[in-house]
Amino acid sequence: MERLTLTLPAMWADHHVLAVRSALADMSGIADAEASARDFSVQIAFDPATTTPEAVAARLAEAGYTQGPAPGAGSGERDEAAWTTNGSRTTTTNPVDAAMSGEHRNY
């Protein structure tokens, strides 16, 4: 088995991770696929006698996940407005998510 790591900038949430894993699940020669929305990457174990990195990339592109740099990679900048309010990072829970998730998600 060989390993292939691809950066997929469109894979930014868990439902994208599931879609990427699903796109690769029935592909011949794929032994394992570990995807991370945090890193925008997927690590794939594949049999080079059965498939190629190009075929894997083509399958992912068909599913809407083309290779490219991770968002913000290489710019050395970050969107301060998105990350800070009054000098500290502030987040709020989406009310719909909180209602669907139960008490353990009310933070």
PDB file of N, CA and C in Angstrom:
ATOM      1  N   MET A   1       0.835  -1.188   0.000  1.00  0.00           N
ATOM      2  CA  MET A   1       0.000   0.000   0.000  1.00  0.00           C
ATOM      3  C   MET A   1       0.873   1.243   0.000  1.00  0.00           C
ATOM      4  N   GLU A   2       0.420   2.217  -0.731  1.00  0.00           N
ATOM      5  CA  GLU A   2       1.052   3.529  -0.731  1.00  0.00           C
ATOM      6  C   GLU A   2       0.088   4.524  -0.115  1.00  0.00           C
ATOM      7  N   ARG A   3       0.622   5.658   0.339  1.00  0.00           N
ATOM      8  CA  ARG A   3      -0.207   6.700   0.929  1.00  0.00           C
ATOM      9  C   ARG A   3      -0.151   7.950   0.063  1.00  0.00           C
ATOM     10  N   LEU A   4      -1.298   8.601  -0.023  1.00  0.00           N
ATOM     11  CA  LEU A   4      -1.451   9.818  -0.804  1.00  0.00           C
ATOM     12  C   LEU A   4      -2.170  10.831   0.077  1.00  0.00           C
ATOM     13  N   THR A   5      -1.653  12.048   0.145  1.00  0.00           N
ATOM     14  CA  THR A   5      -2.319  13.115   0.889  1.00  0.00           C
ATOM     15  C   THR A   5      -2.708  14.208  -0.089  1.00  0.00           C
ATOM     16  N   LEU A   6      -3.984  14.584  -0.066  1.00  0.00           N
ATOM     17  CA  LEU A   6      -4.505  15.626  -0.942  1.00  0.00           C
ATOM     18  C   LEU A   6      -5.112  16.734  -0.103  1.00  0.00           C
ATOM     19  N   THR A   7      -4.922  17.971  -0.524  1.00  0.00           N
ATOM     20  CA  THR A   7      -5.559  19.118   0.117  1.00  0.00           C
ATOM     21  C   THR A   7      -6.797  19.467  -0.694  1.00  0.00           C
ATOM     22  N   LEU A   8      -7.939  19.509  -0.004  1.00  0.00           N
ATOM     23  CA  LEU A   8      -9.224  19.762  -0.653  1.00  0.00           C
ATOM     24  C   LEU A   8      -9.876  20.982  -0.002  1.00  0.00           C
ATOM     25  N   PRO A   9      -9.703  22.174  -0.568  1.00  0.00           N
ATOM     26  CA  PRO A   9     -10.208  23.388   0.069  1.00  0.00           C
ATOM     27  C   PRO A   9     -11.723  23.440   0.246  1.00  0.00           C
ATOM     28  N   ALA A  10     -12.479  22.666  -0.515  1.00  0.00           N
ATOM     29  CA  ALA A  10     -13.937  22.666  -0.374  1.00  0.00           C
ATOM     30  C   ALA A  10     -14.413  21.760   0.756  1.00  0.00           C
ATOM     31  N   MET A  11     -13.505  21.042   1.402  1.00  0.00           N
ATOM     32  CA  MET A  11     -13.878  20.130   2.486  1.00  0.00           C
ATOM     33  C   MET A  11     -13.677  20.849   3.818  1.00  0.00           C
ATOM     34  N   TRP A  12     -14.660  21.669   4.210  1.00  0.00           N
ATOM     35  CA  TRP A  12     -14.499  22.507   5.382  1.00  0.00           C
ATOM     36  C   TRP A  12     -15.412  22.134   6.542  1.00  0.00           C
ATOM     37  N   ALA A  13     -16.221  21.098   6.403  1.00  0.00           N
ATOM     38  CA  ALA A  13     -17.128  20.700   7.482  1.00  0.00           C
ATOM     39  C   ALA A  13     -17.303  19.185   7.461  1.00  0.00           C
ATOM     40  N   ASP A  14     -17.894  18.673   8.529  1.00  0.00           N
ATOM     41  CA  ASP A  14     -18.031  17.228   8.674  1.00  0.00           C
ATOM     42  C   ASP A  14     -18.836  16.581   7.555  1.00  0.00           C
ATOM     43  N   HIS A  15     -19.860  17.261   7.048  1.00  0.00           N
ATOM     44  CA  HIS A  15     -20.634  16.643   5.963  1.00  0.00           C
ATOM     45  C   HIS A  15     -19.791  16.513   4.701  1.00  0.00           C
ATOM     46  N   HIS A  16     -18.800  17.375   4.532  1.00  0.00           N
ATOM     47  CA  HIS A  16     -17.879  17.230   3.397  1.00  0.00           C
ATOM     48  C   HIS A  16     -16.949  16.033   3.607  1.00  0.00           C
ATOM     49  N   VAL A  17     -16.522  15.828   4.834  1.00  0.00           N
ATOM     50  CA  VAL A  17     -15.691  14.660   5.163  1.00  0.00           C
ATOM     51  C   VAL A  17     -16.441  13.389   4.799  1.00  0.00           C
ATOM     52  N   LEU A  18     -17.711  13.325   5.174  1.00  0.00           N
ATOM     53  CA  LEU A  18     -18.524  12.144   4.850  1.00  0.00           C
ATOM     54  C   LEU A  18     -18.670  11.969   3.342  1.00  0.00           C
ATOM     55  N   ALA A  19     -18.850  13.073   2.620  1.00  0.00           N
ATOM     56  CA  ALA A  19     -18.989  12.995   1.154  1.00  0.00           C
ATOM     57  C   ALA A  19     -17.701  12.503   0.506  1.00  0.00           C
ATOM     58  N   VAL A  20     -16.558  12.971   0.993  1.00  0.00           N
ATOM     59  CA  VAL A  20     -15.266  12.532   0.445  1.00  0.00           C
ATOM     60  C   VAL A  20     -15.063  11.051   0.716  1.00  0.00           C
ATOM     61  N   ARG A  21     -15.319  10.626   1.950  1.00  0.00           N
ATOM     62  CA  ARG A  21     -15.161   9.208   2.286  1.00  0.00           C
ATOM     63  C   ARG A  21     -16.126   8.348   1.458  1.00  0.00           C
ATOM     64  N   SER A  22     -17.335   8.840   1.251  1.00  0.00           N
ATOM     65  CA  SER A  22     -18.320   8.108   0.456  1.00  0.00           C
ATOM     66  C   SER A  22     -17.881   7.992  -1.002  1.00  0.00           C
ATOM     67  N   ALA A  23     -17.305   9.061  -1.543  1.00  0.00           N
ATOM     68  CA  ALA A  23     -16.840   9.039  -2.937  1.00  0.00           C
ATOM     69  C   ALA A  23     -15.739   8.007  -3.141  1.00  0.00           C
ATOM     70  N   LEU A  24     -14.941   7.774  -2.103  1.00  0.00           N
ATOM     71  CA  LEU A  24     -13.822   6.836  -2.219  1.00  0.00           C
ATOM     72  C   LEU A  24     -14.164   5.423  -1.758  1.00  0.00           C
ATOM     73  N   ALA A  25     -15.284   5.268  -1.063  1.00  0.00           N
ATOM     74  CA  ALA A  25     -15.621   3.986  -0.428  1.00  0.00           C
ATOM     75  C   ALA A  25     -15.708   2.819  -1.399  1.00  0.00           C
ATOM     76  N   ASP A  26     -16.294   3.030  -2.572  1.00  0.00           N
ATOM     77  CA  ASP A  26     -16.467   1.914  -3.508  1.00  0.00           C
ATOM     78  C   ASP A  26     -15.413   1.894  -4.614  1.00  0.00           C
ATOM     79  N   MET A  27     -14.384   2.717  -4.465  1.00  0.00           N
ATOM     80  CA  MET A  27     -13.338   2.769  -5.492  1.00  0.00           C
ATOM     81  C   MET A  27     -12.373   1.614  -5.295  1.00  0.00           C
ATOM     82  N   SER A  28     -12.146   0.877  -6.351  1.00  0.00           N
ATOM     83  CA  SER A  28     -11.244  -0.268  -6.308  1.00  0.00           C
ATOM     84  C   SER A  28      -9.821   0.196  -5.991  1.00  0.00           C
ATOM     85  N   GLY A  29      -9.166  -0.504  -5.077  1.00  0.00           N
ATOM     86  CA  GLY A  29      -7.776  -0.209  -4.739  1.00  0.00           C
ATOM     87  C   GLY A  29      -7.597   0.703  -3.546  1.00  0.00           C
ATOM     88  N   ILE A  30      -8.695   1.269  -3.030  1.00  0.00           N
ATOM     89  CA  ILE A  30      -8.616   2.136  -1.856  1.00  0.00           C
ATOM     90  C   ILE A  30      -8.778   1.282  -0.604  1.00  0.00           C
ATOM     91  N   ALA A  31      -7.759   1.303   0.257  1.00  0.00           N
ATOM     92  CA  ALA A  31      -7.817   0.525   1.488  1.00  0.00           C
ATOM     93  C   ALA A  31      -8.363   1.344   2.649  1.00  0.00           C
ATOM     94  N   ASP A  32      -8.060   2.649   2.664  1.00  0.00           N
ATOM     95  CA  ASP A  32      -8.482   3.499   3.776  1.00  0.00           C
ATOM     96  C   ASP A  32      -8.422   4.952   3.339  1.00  0.00           C
ATOM     97  N   ALA A  33      -9.301   5.762   3.913  1.00  0.00           N
ATOM     98  CA  ALA A  33      -9.286   7.200   3.662  1.00  0.00           C
ATOM     99  C   ALA A  33      -9.591   7.907   4.973  1.00  0.00           C
ATOM    100  N   GLU A  34      -8.653   8.725   5.428  1.00  0.00           N
ATOM    101  CA  GLU A  34      -8.814   9.506   6.649  1.00  0.00           C
ATOM    102  C   GLU A  34      -8.901  10.970   6.250  1.00  0.00           C
ATOM    103  N   ALA A  35     -10.062  11.573   6.453  1.00  0.00           N
ATOM    104  CA  ALA A  35     -10.280  12.951   6.037  1.00  0.00           C
ATOM    105  C   ALA A  35     -10.393  13.864   7.248  1.00  0.00           C
ATOM    106  N   SER A  36      -9.918  15.096   7.090  1.00  0.00           N
ATOM    107  CA  SER A  36      -9.954  16.091   8.156  1.00  0.00           C
ATOM    108  C   SER A  36     -10.446  17.422   7.609  1.00  0.00           C
ATOM    109  N   ALA A  37     -11.608  17.863   8.091  1.00  0.00           N
ATOM    110  CA  ALA A  37     -12.118  19.169   7.689  1.00  0.00           C
ATOM    111  C   ALA A  37     -11.255  20.279   8.288  1.00  0.00           C
ATOM    112  N   ARG A  38     -10.673  20.047   9.434  1.00  0.00           N
ATOM    113  CA  ARG A  38      -9.819  21.054  10.064  1.00  0.00           C
ATOM    114  C   ARG A  38      -8.610  21.366   9.194  1.00  0.00           C
ATOM    115  N   ASP A  39      -8.010  20.316   8.624  1.00  0.00           N
ATOM    116  CA  ASP A  39      -6.805  20.478   7.811  1.00  0.00           C
ATOM    117  C   ASP A  39      -7.094  20.554   6.314  1.00  0.00           C
ATOM    118  N   PHE A  40      -8.360  20.408   5.931  1.00  0.00           N
ATOM    119  CA  PHE A  40      -8.745  20.393   4.514  1.00  0.00           C
ATOM    120  C   PHE A  40      -7.985  19.305   3.758  1.00  0.00           C
ATOM    121  N   SER A  41      -7.729  18.173   4.415  1.00  0.00           N
ATOM    122  CA  SER A  41      -6.923  17.150   3.759  1.00  0.00           C
ATOM    123  C   SER A  41      -7.528  15.764   3.909  1.00  0.00           C
ATOM    124  N   VAL A  42      -7.134  14.902   2.990  1.00  0.00           N
ATOM    125  CA  VAL A  42      -7.514  13.498   3.050  1.00  0.00           C
ATOM    126  C   VAL A  42      -6.252  12.674   2.803  1.00  0.00           C
ATOM    127  N   GLN A  43      -6.043  11.687   3.675  1.00  0.00           N
ATOM    128  CA  GLN A  43      -4.922  10.762   3.509  1.00  0.00           C
ATOM    129  C   GLN A  43      -5.506   9.430   3.069  1.00  0.00           C
ATOM    130  N   ILE A  44      -4.984   8.921   1.972  1.00  0.00           N
ATOM    131  CA  ILE A  44      -5.558   7.737   1.342  1.00  0.00           C
ATOM    132  C   ILE A  44      -4.498   6.654   1.239  1.00  0.00           C
ATOM    133  N   ALA A  45      -4.849   5.454   1.688  1.00  0.00           N
ATOM    134  CA  ALA A  45      -3.995   4.281   1.486  1.00  0.00           C
ATOM    135  C   ALA A  45      -4.560   3.554   0.269  1.00  0.00           C
ATOM    136  N   PHE A  46      -3.706   3.338  -0.726  1.00  0.00           N
ATOM    137  CA  PHE A  46      -4.196   2.720  -1.963  1.00  0.00           C
ATOM    138  C   PHE A  46      -3.190   1.708  -2.492  1.00  0.00           C
ATOM    139  N   ASP A  47      -3.702   0.798  -3.303  1.00  0.00           N
ATOM    140  CA  ASP A  47      -2.874  -0.215  -3.956  1.00  0.00           C
ATOM    141  C   ASP A  47      -2.471   0.321  -5.330  1.00  0.00           C
ATOM    142  N   PRO A  48      -1.183   0.604  -5.554  1.00  0.00           N
ATOM    143  CA  PRO A  48      -0.762   1.174  -6.837  1.00  0.00           C
ATOM    144  C   PRO A  48      -0.927   0.220  -8.020  1.00  0.00           C
ATOM    145  N   ALA A  49      -1.117  -1.054  -7.740  1.00  0.00           N
ATOM    146  CA  ALA A  49      -1.359  -2.003  -8.828  1.00  0.00           C
ATOM    147  C   ALA A  49      -2.805  -1.919  -9.320  1.00  0.00           C
ATOM    148  N   THR A  50      -3.676  -1.307  -8.520  1.00  0.00           N
ATOM    149  CA  THR A  50      -5.095  -1.247  -8.851  1.00  0.00           C
ATOM    150  C   THR A  50      -5.566   0.137  -9.261  1.00  0.00           C
ATOM    151  N   THR A  51      -5.000   1.177  -8.638  1.00  0.00           N
ATOM    152  CA  THR A  51      -5.424   2.548  -8.948  1.00  0.00           C
ATOM    153  C   THR A  51      -4.224   3.491  -8.892  1.00  0.00           C
ATOM    154  N   THR A  52      -4.437   4.711  -9.323  1.00  0.00           N
ATOM    155  CA  THR A  52      -3.364   5.707  -9.359  1.00  0.00           C
ATOM    156  C   THR A  52      -3.795   6.967  -8.605  1.00  0.00           C
ATOM    157  N   PRO A  53      -2.835   7.781  -8.207  1.00  0.00           N
ATOM    158  CA  PRO A  53      -3.200   9.054  -7.573  1.00  0.00           C
ATOM    159  C   PRO A  53      -4.071   9.924  -8.485  1.00  0.00           C
ATOM    160  N   GLU A  54      -3.814   9.871  -9.784  1.00  0.00           N
ATOM    161  CA  GLU A  54      -4.622  10.651 -10.729  1.00  0.00           C
ATOM    162  C   GLU A  54      -6.078  10.174 -10.749  1.00  0.00           C
ATOM    163  N   ALA A  55      -6.271   8.860 -10.675  1.00  0.00           N
ATOM    164  CA  ALA A  55      -7.638   8.317 -10.660  1.00  0.00           C
ATOM    165  C   ALA A  55      -8.358   8.709  -9.381  1.00  0.00           C
ATOM    166  N   VAL A  56      -7.636   8.710  -8.270  1.00  0.00           N
ATOM    167  CA  VAL A  56      -8.219   9.116  -6.981  1.00  0.00           C
ATOM    168  C   VAL A  56      -8.631  10.587  -7.056  1.00  0.00           C
ATOM    169  N   ALA A  57      -7.727  11.440  -7.554  1.00  0.00           N
ATOM    170  CA  ALA A  57      -8.025  12.864  -7.682  1.00  0.00           C
ATOM    171  C   ALA A  57      -9.206  13.105  -8.622  1.00  0.00           C
ATOM    172  N   ALA A  58      -9.287  12.336  -9.694  1.00  0.00           N
ATOM    173  CA  ALA A  58     -10.401  12.472 -10.638  1.00  0.00           C
ATOM    174  C   ALA A  58     -11.719  12.089  -9.982  1.00  0.00           C
ATOM    175  N   ARG A  59     -11.725  11.031  -9.188  1.00  0.00           N
ATOM    176  CA  ARG A  59     -12.945  10.608  -8.491  1.00  0.00           C
ATOM    177  C   ARG A  59     -13.404  11.700  -7.526  1.00  0.00           C
ATOM    178  N   LEU A  60     -12.462  12.283  -6.800  1.00  0.00           N
ATOM    179  CA  LEU A  60     -12.815  13.353  -5.874  1.00  0.00           C
ATOM    180  C   LEU A  60     -13.304  14.593  -6.616  1.00  0.00           C
ATOM    181  N   ALA A  61     -12.698  14.905  -7.745  1.00  0.00           N
ATOM    182  CA  ALA A  61     -13.139  16.051  -8.545  1.00  0.00           C
ATOM    183  C   ALA A  61     -14.563  15.846  -9.046  1.00  0.00           C
ATOM    184  N   GLU A  62     -14.901  14.611  -9.444  1.00  0.00           N
ATOM    185  CA  GLU A  62     -16.271  14.297  -9.867  1.00  0.00           C
ATOM    186  C   GLU A  62     -17.262  14.546  -8.742  1.00  0.00           C
ATOM    187  N   ALA A  63     -16.817  14.338  -7.500  1.00  0.00           N
ATOM    188  CA  ALA A  63     -17.676  14.546  -6.333  1.00  0.00           C
ATOM    189  C   ALA A  63     -17.678  16.015  -5.889  1.00  0.00           C
ATOM    190  N   GLY A  64     -16.897  16.867  -6.580  1.00  0.00           N
ATOM    191  CA  GLY A  64     -16.880  18.289  -6.257  1.00  0.00           C
ATOM    192  C   GLY A  64     -15.736  18.732  -5.370  1.00  0.00           C
ATOM    193  N   TYR A  65     -14.736  17.881  -5.201  1.00  0.00           N
ATOM    194  CA  TYR A  65     -13.615  18.192  -4.314  1.00  0.00           C
ATOM    195  C   TYR A  65     -12.306  18.171  -5.099  1.00  0.00           C
ATOM    196  N   THR A  66     -11.947  19.319  -5.661  1.00  0.00           N
ATOM    197  CA  THR A  66     -10.713  19.419  -6.417  1.00  0.00           C
ATOM    198  C   THR A  66      -9.566  19.832  -5.489  1.00  0.00           C
ATOM    199  N   GLN A  67      -8.357  19.485  -5.894  1.00  0.00           N
ATOM    200  CA  GLN A  67      -7.177  19.819  -5.110  1.00  0.00           C
ATOM    201  C   GLN A  67      -6.860  21.301  -5.215  1.00  0.00           C
ATOM    202  N   GLY A  68      -6.248  21.817  -4.164  1.00  0.00           N
ATOM    203  CA  GLY A  68      -5.820  23.205  -4.161  1.00  0.00           C
ATOM    204  C   GLY A  68      -5.282  23.552  -2.790  1.00  0.00           C
ATOM    205  N   PRO A  69      -4.828  24.766  -2.628  1.00  0.00           N
ATOM    206  CA  PRO A  69      -4.301  25.159  -1.317  1.00  0.00           C
ATOM    207  C   PRO A  69      -5.432  25.322  -0.306  1.00  0.00           C
ATOM    208  N   ALA A  70      -5.124  25.050   0.939  1.00  0.00           N
ATOM    209  CA  ALA A  70      -6.107  25.258   2.003  1.00  0.00           C
ATOM    210  C   ALA A  70      -6.422  26.745   2.092  1.00  0.00           C
ATOM    211  N   PRO A  71      -7.643  27.100   2.432  1.00  0.00           N
ATOM    212  CA  PRO A  71      -7.992  28.516   2.553  1.00  0.00           C
ATOM    213  C   PRO A  71      -7.037  29.241   3.498  1.00  0.00           C
ATOM    214  N   GLY A  72      -6.525  30.358   3.047  1.00  0.00           N
ATOM    215  CA  GLY A  72      -5.604  31.150   3.853  1.00  0.00           C
ATOM    216  C   GLY A  72      -4.167  30.681   3.805  1.00  0.00           C
ATOM    217  N   ALA A  73      -3.908  29.563   3.167  1.00  0.00           N
ATOM    218  CA  ALA A  73      -2.552  29.026   3.129  1.00  0.00           C
ATOM    219  C   ALA A  73      -1.633  29.929   2.327  1.00  0.00           C
ATOM    220  N   GLY A  74      -0.505  30.220   2.890  1.00  0.00           N
ATOM    221  CA  GLY A  74       0.508  30.976   2.184  1.00  0.00           C
ATOM    222  C   GLY A  74       0.319  32.477   2.193  1.00  0.00           C
ATOM    223  N   SER A  75      -0.847  32.969   2.621  1.00  0.00           N
ATOM    224  CA  SER A  75      -1.058  34.409   2.589  1.00  0.00           C
ATOM    225  C   SER A  75      -0.384  35.102   3.764  1.00  0.00           C
ATOM    226  N   GLY A  76      -0.197  34.375   4.861  1.00  0.00           N
ATOM    227  CA  GLY A  76       0.394  34.977   6.044  1.00  0.00           C
ATOM    228  C   GLY A  76      -0.552  35.928   6.748  1.00  0.00           C
ATOM    229  N   GLU A  77      -1.774  35.991   6.263  1.00  0.00           N
ATOM    230  CA  GLU A  77      -2.764  36.894   6.839  1.00  0.00           C
ATOM    231  C   GLU A  77      -3.966  36.096   7.312  1.00  0.00           C
ATOM    232  N   ARG A  78      -4.703  36.692   8.237  1.00  0.00           N
ATOM    233  CA  ARG A  78      -5.968  36.097   8.629  1.00  0.00           C
ATOM    234  C   ARG A  78      -7.006  37.197   8.689  1.00  0.00           C
ATOM    235  N   ASP A  79      -8.230  36.829   8.547  1.00  0.00           N
ATOM    236  CA  ASP A  79      -9.327  37.783   8.568  1.00  0.00           C
ATOM    237  C   ASP A  79      -9.628  38.121  10.021  1.00  0.00           C
ATOM    238  N   GLU A  80      -9.070  39.227  10.502  1.00  0.00           N
ATOM    239  CA  GLU A  80      -9.228  39.599  11.910  1.00  0.00           C
ATOM    240  C   GLU A  80     -10.691  39.774  12.294  1.00  0.00           C
ATOM    241  N   ALA A  81     -11.499  40.313  11.393  1.00  0.00           N
ATOM    242  CA  ALA A  81     -12.910  40.521  11.713  1.00  0.00           C
ATOM    243  C   ALA A  81     -13.620  39.206  11.990  1.00  0.00           C
ATOM    244  N   ALA A  82     -13.198  38.145  11.310  1.00  0.00           N
ATOM    245  CA  ALA A  82     -13.829  36.843  11.512  1.00  0.00           C
ATOM    246  C   ALA A  82     -13.344  36.165  12.782  1.00  0.00           C
ATOM    247  N   TRP A  83     -12.162  36.531  13.256  1.00  0.00           N
ATOM    248  CA  TRP A  83     -11.562  35.836  14.395  1.00  0.00           C
ATOM    249  C   TRP A  83     -11.615  36.593  15.705  1.00  0.00           C
ATOM    250  N   THR A  84     -11.763  37.886  15.681  1.00  0.00           N
ATOM    251  CA  THR A  84     -11.680  38.625  16.936  1.00  0.00           C
ATOM    252  C   THR A  84     -12.806  39.626  17.092  1.00  0.00           C
ATOM    253  N   THR A  85     -13.150  39.843  18.330  1.00  0.00           N
ATOM    254  CA  THR A  85     -14.050  40.907  18.729  1.00  0.00           C
ATOM    255  C   THR A  85     -13.490  41.442  20.034  1.00  0.00           C
ATOM    256  N   ASN A  86     -13.145  42.698  20.060  1.00  0.00           N
ATOM    257  CA  ASN A  86     -12.544  43.310  21.251  1.00  0.00           C
ATOM    258  C   ASN A  86     -11.284  42.580  21.696  1.00  0.00           C
ATOM    259  N   GLY A  87     -10.502  42.076  20.751  1.00  0.00           N
ATOM    260  CA  GLY A  87      -9.221  41.474  21.079  1.00  0.00           C
ATOM    261  C   GLY A  87      -9.251  40.010  21.455  1.00  0.00           C
ATOM    262  N   SER A  88     -10.412  39.368  21.474  1.00  0.00           N
ATOM    263  CA  SER A  88     -10.456  37.941  21.786  1.00  0.00           C
ATOM    264  C   SER A  88     -11.406  37.245  20.831  1.00  0.00           C
ATOM    265  N   ARG A  89     -11.161  35.984  20.617  1.00  0.00           N
ATOM    266  CA  ARG A  89     -12.022  35.229  19.704  1.00  0.00           C
ATOM    267  C   ARG A  89     -13.357  34.968  20.384  1.00  0.00           C
ATOM    268  N   THR A  90     -14.414  35.248  19.674  1.00  0.00           N
ATOM    269  CA  THR A  90     -15.751  35.077  20.214  1.00  0.00           C
ATOM    270  C   THR A  90     -16.553  34.195  19.279  1.00  0.00           C
ATOM    271  N   THR A  91     -17.214  33.195  19.823  1.00  0.00           N
ATOM    272  CA  THR A  91     -18.072  32.351  19.012  1.00  0.00           C
ATOM    273  C   THR A  91     -19.431  32.241  19.676  1.00  0.00           C
ATOM    274  N   THR A  92     -20.435  31.977  18.881  1.00  0.00           N
ATOM    275  CA  THR A  92     -21.771  31.731  19.413  1.00  0.00           C
ATOM    276  C   THR A  92     -22.316  30.472  18.757  1.00  0.00           C
ATOM    277  N   THR A  93     -23.140  29.775  19.498  1.00  0.00           N
ATOM    278  CA  THR A  93     -23.751  28.570  18.981  1.00  0.00           C
ATOM    279  C   THR A  93     -24.950  28.934  18.120  1.00  0.00           C
ATOM    280  N   ASN A  94     -25.033  28.333  16.956  1.00  0.00           N
ATOM    281  CA  ASN A  94     -26.183  28.522  16.089  1.00  0.00           C
ATOM    282  C   ASN A  94     -27.416  28.028  16.846  1.00  0.00           C
ATOM    283  N   PRO A  95     -28.461  28.842  16.997  1.00  0.00           N
ATOM    284  CA  PRO A  95     -29.648  28.424  17.763  1.00  0.00           C
ATOM    285  C   PRO A  95     -30.304  27.145  17.234  1.00  0.00           C
ATOM    286  N   VAL A  96     -30.279  26.955  15.930  1.00  0.00           N
ATOM    287  CA  VAL A  96     -30.873  25.741  15.351  1.00  0.00           C
ATOM    288  C   VAL A  96     -30.069  24.516  15.783  1.00  0.00           C
ATOM    289  N   ASP A  97     -28.732  24.615  15.719  1.00  0.00           N
ATOM    290  CA  ASP A  97     -27.887  23.509  16.169  1.00  0.00           C
ATOM    291  C   ASP A  97     -28.094  23.222  17.643  1.00  0.00           C
ATOM    292  N   ALA A  98     -28.176  24.262  18.458  1.00  0.00           N
ATOM    293  CA  ALA A  98     -28.353  24.066  19.896  1.00  0.00           C
ATOM    294  C   ALA A  98     -29.671  23.370  20.192  1.00  0.00           C
ATOM    295  N   ALA A  99     -30.726  23.761  19.480  1.00  0.00           N
ATOM    296  CA  ALA A  99     -32.039  23.145  19.705  1.00  0.00           C
ATOM    297  C   ALA A  99     -32.051  21.679  19.307  1.00  0.00           C
ATOM    298  N   MET A 100     -31.330  21.333  18.250  1.00  0.00           N
ATOM    299  CA  MET A 100     -31.319  19.948  17.760  1.00  0.00           C
ATOM    300  C   MET A 100     -30.359  19.062  18.537  1.00  0.00           C
ATOM    301  N   SER A 101     -29.393  19.650  19.227  1.00  0.00           N
ATOM    302  CA  SER A 101     -28.327  18.875  19.823  1.00  0.00           C
ATOM    303  C   SER A 101     -28.540  18.500  21.271  1.00  0.00           C
ATOM    304  N   GLY A 102     -29.487  19.085  21.927  1.00  0.00           N
ATOM    305  CA  GLY A 102     -29.744  18.731  23.322  1.00  0.00           C
ATOM    306  C   GLY A 102     -28.926  19.575  24.285  1.00  0.00           C
ATOM    307  N   GLU A 103     -29.099  19.321  25.564  1.00  0.00           N
ATOM    308  CA  GLU A 103     -28.486  20.124  26.614  1.00  0.00           C
ATOM    309  C   GLU A 103     -26.964  20.091  26.595  1.00  0.00           C
ATOM    310  N   HIS A 104     -26.359  18.968  26.204  1.00  0.00           N
ATOM    311  CA  HIS A 104     -24.911  18.874  26.245  1.00  0.00           C
ATOM    312  C   HIS A 104     -24.209  19.838  25.306  1.00  0.00           C
ATOM    313  N   ARG A 105     -24.947  20.430  24.353  1.00  0.00           N
ATOM    314  CA  ARG A 105     -24.338  21.360  23.395  1.00  0.00           C
ATOM    315  C   ARG A 105     -24.603  22.821  23.754  1.00  0.00           C
ATOM    316  N   ASN A 106     -25.300  23.098  24.841  1.00  0.00           N
ATOM    317  CA  ASN A 106     -25.593  24.475  25.211  1.00  0.00           C
ATOM    318  C   ASN A 106     -24.396  25.075  25.925  1.00  0.00           C
ATOM    319  N   TYR A 107     -23.530  25.669  25.187  1.00  0.00           N
ATOM    320  CA  TYR A 107     -22.319  26.282  25.739  1.00  0.00           C
ATOM    321  C   TYR A 107     -22.190  27.711  25.296  1.00  0.00           C
TER     322      TYR A 107
END
